[in-house]
Every structure is written in structure tokens, then in C-alpha cells.
Protein backbone atom coordinates (compact mmCIF):
# COMPACT_ATOMS: atom_id res chain seq x y z
CA MET A 1 169.12 76.81 157.90
CA GLY A 2 172.48 78.73 157.53
CA ARG A 3 173.74 80.80 154.49
CA THR A 4 172.01 79.64 151.00
CA ARG A 5 172.31 79.67 147.19
CA ARG A 6 169.41 79.69 144.86
CA GLU A 7 170.23 76.81 142.61
CA VAL A 8 167.44 76.26 139.36
CA ASP A 9 166.66 72.93 137.62
CA SER A 10 164.08 71.69 135.36
CA LEU A 11 161.69 71.44 138.41
CA GLY A 12 161.82 74.87 139.39
CA GLU A 13 164.27 76.96 141.99
CA MET A 14 165.64 75.86 145.47
CA GLU A 15 168.11 76.84 148.42
CA VAL A 16 170.82 74.85 148.75
CA PRO A 17 173.48 75.27 151.46
CA SER A 18 175.95 77.70 150.39
CA GLU A 19 178.58 75.10 151.34
CA ALA A 20 177.15 72.49 149.86
CA GLN A 21 178.73 70.99 146.32
CA TYR A 22 175.96 69.56 144.61
CA GLY A 23 172.59 71.22 143.13
CA ALA A 24 168.86 71.90 143.16
CA THR A 25 168.33 68.10 141.14
CA THR A 26 170.26 66.58 144.10
CA LEU A 27 168.51 68.62 146.87
CA GLN A 28 165.20 67.80 145.27
CA ALA A 29 166.01 63.84 144.87
CA PHE A 30 166.95 63.99 148.55
CA ASN A 31 163.77 65.82 149.24
CA ASP A 32 161.55 63.41 147.54
CA LEU A 33 163.32 60.21 148.91
CA SER A 34 162.86 61.49 152.49
CA THR A 35 159.31 62.32 152.37
CA SER A 36 158.12 58.86 150.24
CA GLY A 37 158.47 56.56 152.63
CA ILE A 38 161.04 54.73 151.14
CA SER A 39 162.56 52.20 153.65
CA SER A 40 165.33 52.38 154.80
CA HIS A 41 167.38 49.43 152.66
CA LEU A 42 167.03 52.21 149.76
CA SER A 43 169.08 55.14 151.77
CA GLN A 44 171.52 52.46 152.67
CA ARG A 45 172.26 50.79 149.16
CA ILE A 46 172.72 54.76 148.09
CA HIS A 47 174.70 55.19 150.84
CA ALA A 48 176.95 52.50 149.74
CA LEU A 49 177.20 53.13 146.04
CA PHE A 50 178.26 56.65 146.76
CA MET A 51 181.41 55.08 149.58
CA ALA A 52 181.77 52.88 146.07
CA LYS A 53 182.13 55.30 143.81
CA LYS A 54 184.39 57.83 146.37
CA ALA A 55 186.19 54.63 146.19
CA ALA A 56 186.78 54.67 142.68
CA VAL A 57 187.66 58.60 142.67
CA LEU A 58 190.41 57.87 145.46
CA ALA A 59 191.84 54.61 143.46
CA ASN A 60 192.06 56.82 139.83
CA ALA A 61 195.04 58.57 140.30
CA VAL A 62 194.54 60.29 137.31
CA PHE A 63 192.60 63.34 138.91
CA GLN A 64 194.25 66.15 139.91
CA SER A 65 194.32 66.98 143.57
CA ALA A 66 192.26 70.09 143.86
CA LYS A 67 189.49 68.35 140.98
CA LEU A 68 189.68 64.92 143.84
CA THR A 69 189.20 66.82 146.85
CA GLN A 70 186.00 68.87 145.51
CA ILE A 71 184.65 65.28 144.09
CA THR A 72 185.31 63.50 147.11
CA THR A 73 183.97 66.52 149.62
CA ALA A 74 180.64 66.18 147.47
CA TYR A 75 180.42 62.26 148.09
CA ASP A 76 180.93 63.34 151.39
CA ASP A 77 177.87 65.81 151.77
CA ILE A 78 175.86 63.28 149.50
CA CYS A 79 176.65 60.46 151.99
CA THR A 80 175.89 62.53 154.92
CA VAL A 81 172.44 63.99 153.71
CA VAL A 82 171.81 60.36 152.99
CA THR A 83 172.81 58.64 156.01
CA ALA A 84 169.87 61.52 157.60
CA LEU A 85 167.20 60.25 156.12
CA PRO A 86 164.63 58.38 157.70
CA ARG A 87 165.06 54.55 158.41
């Protein structure tokens, strides 16, 4: 694993990739989902949900460009992790 940062949530401390736009709670959810044996259709639904959310952010002209970039980068990070879940 590359460089990490220590994040704390209600379940404790976790090492999160330093470049990730998400935190400990999201990483814990990914870890739980990937080890739970949940079928692939759920990971595909999660991916579709985040694609829809990203599209909504892009369509909403209210966001400033810096905030838009941060949000869409976070969605891309999450979709990358979800896509890597076992199918």
C-alpha cells in the first residue's frame, strides 16, 4: 500500500490512502461489503447510484469549480473501489 493517513470514525481508527477523497467510514463500508459475500448485483447498484449522483453534481451549476472537482473526484474514487469488489 502507498502512503496513508490515519482516520477515525465511530468504529475506530483506519489507514486510508492519502490521496483518497473519502474517509474511514466509507473505507470500512467497502471492506465490509467485499468480505460479506454480497452478490455482484448490489455492487453494480452501488456503482450505478454513484454514477447518477455524479451526473447530478455535474448538472448542477450551483457548485463552484473547485468544489465540483472535489466531489466528482470523490465519486470517481468510490466507483473505482466498488468496481473492484468481487462479483
